[in-house]
Amino acid sequence: MDLGDVIFLLRDGIFQILMLVSPILGTALVVGLLVAIFQATTSIQEQTLTFVPKFFSILGVLALLGAWMLASLRGYTFKIFEMIPQVAR
């Protein structure tokens, strides 16, 4: 295994992480921004008002995209396990 293979594995791993985490972080960001705008306009500063909508929106994204995330992670894992004989040489 040479340096190019290691760089490929690292680049592919980072891309996989970003691809799996971005829907969850994007949803939390949008919901958090909407709740912050709502709190600023109504002067309601309740702590649970920020936590509960984010929590349920993240659960919803995981319910909708969980199968795709698991399939993508499984494919990446299979690709890494198929590369084990190349590493052993």
C-alpha atoms as a PDB file:
ATOM      1  CA  MET A   1       0.000   0.000   0.000  1.00  0.00           C
ATOM      2  CA  ASP A   2       1.523   3.273  -1.058  1.00  0.00           C
ATOM      3  CA  LEU A   3       0.914   6.872  -0.118  1.00  0.00           C
ATOM      4  CA  GLY A   4      -1.697   7.343  -2.854  1.00  0.00           C
ATOM      5  CA  ASP A   5      -3.858   4.556  -1.425  1.00  0.00           C
ATOM      6  CA  VAL A   6      -3.660   6.044   2.066  1.00  0.00           C
ATOM      7  CA  ILE A   7      -4.623   9.476   0.763  1.00  0.00           C
ATOM      8  CA  PHE A   8      -7.518   7.905  -1.169  1.00  0.00           C
ATOM      9  CA  LEU A   9      -8.781   6.156   1.975  1.00  0.00           C
ATOM     10  CA  LEU A  10      -8.543   9.320   4.070  1.00  0.00           C
ATOM     11  CA  ARG A  11     -10.215  11.476   1.423  1.00  0.00           C
ATOM     12  CA  ASP A  12     -12.989   8.932   0.890  1.00  0.00           C
ATOM     13  CA  GLY A  13     -13.503   8.573   4.655  1.00  0.00           C
ATOM     14  CA  ILE A  14     -13.782  12.321   5.188  1.00  0.00           C
ATOM     15  CA  PHE A  15     -16.198  12.599   2.266  1.00  0.00           C
ATOM     16  CA  GLN A  16     -18.286   9.775   3.731  1.00  0.00           C
ATOM     17  CA  ILE A  17     -18.447  11.515   7.120  1.00  0.00           C
ATOM     18  CA  LEU A  18     -19.470  14.824   5.569  1.00  0.00           C
ATOM     19  CA  MET A  19     -22.098  13.147   3.408  1.00  0.00           C
ATOM     20  CA  LEU A  20     -23.675  11.321   6.361  1.00  0.00           C
ATOM     21  CA  VAL A  21     -23.580  14.201   8.849  1.00  0.00           C
ATOM     22  CA  SER A  22     -24.630  17.100   6.609  1.00  0.00           C
ATOM     23  CA  PRO A  23     -28.399  16.338   6.520  1.00  0.00           C
ATOM     24  CA  ILE A  24     -28.535  16.147  10.312  1.00  0.00           C
ATOM     25  CA  LEU A  25     -26.442  19.263  10.889  1.00  0.00           C
ATOM     26  CA  GLY A  26     -28.308  21.180   8.190  1.00  0.00           C
ATOM     27  CA  THR A  27     -31.653  20.341   9.744  1.00  0.00           C
ATOM     28  CA  ALA A  28     -30.468  21.327  13.219  1.00  0.00           C
ATOM     29  CA  LEU A  29     -29.086  24.582  11.826  1.00  0.00           C
ATOM     30  CA  VAL A  30     -32.294  25.536  10.021  1.00  0.00           C
ATOM     31  CA  VAL A  31     -34.564  24.609  12.929  1.00  0.00           C
ATOM     32  CA  GLY A  32     -32.295  26.399  15.397  1.00  0.00           C
ATOM     33  CA  LEU A  33     -32.323  29.522  13.257  1.00  0.00           C
ATOM     34  CA  LEU A  34     -36.110  29.465  12.951  1.00  0.00           C
ATOM     35  CA  VAL A  35     -36.530  28.993  16.702  1.00  0.00           C
ATOM     36  CA  ALA A  36     -34.033  31.795  17.404  1.00  0.00           C
ATOM     37  CA  ILE A  37     -35.934  34.146  15.095  1.00  0.00           C
ATOM     38  CA  PHE A  38     -39.183  33.161  16.798  1.00  0.00           C
ATOM     39  CA  GLN A  39     -37.680  33.760  20.245  1.00  0.00           C
ATOM     40  CA  ALA A  40     -36.265  37.126  19.225  1.00  0.00           C
ATOM     41  CA  THR A  41     -39.570  38.348  17.829  1.00  0.00           C
ATOM     42  CA  THR A  42     -41.707  37.172  20.744  1.00  0.00           C
ATOM     43  CA  SER A  43     -39.187  37.753  23.584  1.00  0.00           C
ATOM     44  CA  ILE A  44     -39.784  34.207  24.849  1.00  0.00           C
ATOM     45  CA  GLN A  45     -36.504  32.874  26.256  1.00  0.00           C
ATOM     46  CA  GLU A  46     -37.502  29.337  27.207  1.00  0.00           C
ATOM     47  CA  GLN A  47     -34.646  26.802  27.061  1.00  0.00           C
ATOM     48  CA  THR A  48     -36.823  23.837  26.141  1.00  0.00           C
ATOM     49  CA  LEU A  49     -38.152  25.772  23.169  1.00  0.00           C
ATOM     50  CA  THR A  50     -34.724  25.491  21.541  1.00  0.00           C
ATOM     51  CA  PHE A  51     -34.074  21.868  22.459  1.00  0.00           C
ATOM     52  CA  VAL A  52     -37.343  20.074  21.694  1.00  0.00           C
ATOM     53  CA  PRO A  53     -37.844  21.176  18.050  1.00  0.00           C
ATOM     54  CA  LYS A  54     -34.223  20.378  17.191  1.00  0.00           C
ATOM     55  CA  PHE A  55     -34.498  16.987  18.848  1.00  0.00           C
ATOM     56  CA  PHE A  56     -37.643  15.991  16.986  1.00  0.00           C
ATOM     57  CA  SER A  57     -36.428  17.350  13.666  1.00  0.00           C
ATOM     58  CA  ILE A  58     -33.192  15.371  13.965  1.00  0.00           C
ATOM     59  CA  LEU A  59     -35.189  12.252  14.831  1.00  0.00           C
ATOM     60  CA  GLY A  60     -37.335  12.878  11.755  1.00  0.00           C
ATOM     61  CA  VAL A  61     -34.295  13.210   9.496  1.00  0.00           C
ATOM     62  CA  LEU A  62     -32.845  10.011  10.933  1.00  0.00           C
ATOM     63  CA  ALA A  63     -36.156   8.224  10.345  1.00  0.00           C
ATOM     64  CA  LEU A  64     -36.319   9.449   6.748  1.00  0.00           C
ATOM     65  CA  LEU A  65     -32.681   9.066   5.770  1.00  0.00           C
ATOM     66  CA  GLY A  66     -31.504   6.372   8.183  1.00  0.00           C
ATOM     67  CA  ALA A  67     -31.758   3.550   5.646  1.00  0.00           C
ATOM     68  CA  TRP A  68     -29.783   5.525   3.066  1.00  0.00           C
ATOM     69  CA  MET A  69     -27.146   6.432   5.662  1.00  0.00           C
ATOM     70  CA  LEU A  70     -26.773   2.824   6.745  1.00  0.00           C
ATOM     71  CA  ALA A  71     -26.534   1.589   3.138  1.00  0.00           C
ATOM     72  CA  SER A  72     -23.894   4.194   2.325  1.00  0.00           C
ATOM     73  CA  LEU A  73     -21.862   3.306   5.397  1.00  0.00           C
ATOM     74  CA  ARG A  74     -22.197  -0.402   4.631  1.00  0.00           C
ATOM     75  CA  GLY A  75     -20.924   0.139   1.082  1.00  0.00           C
ATOM     76  CA  TYR A  76     -17.936   2.091   2.343  1.00  0.00           C
ATOM     77  CA  THR A  77     -17.167  -0.614   4.903  1.00  0.00           C
ATOM     78  CA  PHE A  78     -17.341  -3.335   2.234  1.00  0.00           C
ATOM     79  CA  LYS A  79     -14.982  -1.297   0.053  1.00  0.00           C
ATOM     80  CA  ILE A  80     -12.483  -1.037   2.904  1.00  0.00           C
ATOM     81  CA  PHE A  81     -12.702  -4.769   3.663  1.00  0.00           C
ATOM     82  CA  GLU A  82     -12.125  -5.559  -0.015  1.00  0.00           C
ATOM     83  CA  MET A  83      -8.888  -3.560   0.165  1.00  0.00           C
ATOM     84  CA  ILE A  84      -7.448  -5.693   3.005  1.00  0.00           C
ATOM     85  CA  PRO A  85      -5.600  -8.100   0.648  1.00  0.00           C
ATOM     86  CA  GLN A  86      -3.878  -5.112  -0.994  1.00  0.00           C
ATOM     87  CA  VAL A  87      -2.715  -3.874   2.390  1.00  0.00           C
ATOM     88  CA  ALA A  88      -1.352  -7.301   3.321  1.00  0.00           C
ATOM     89  CA  ARG A  89       0.975  -7.343   0.283  1.00  0.00           C
END
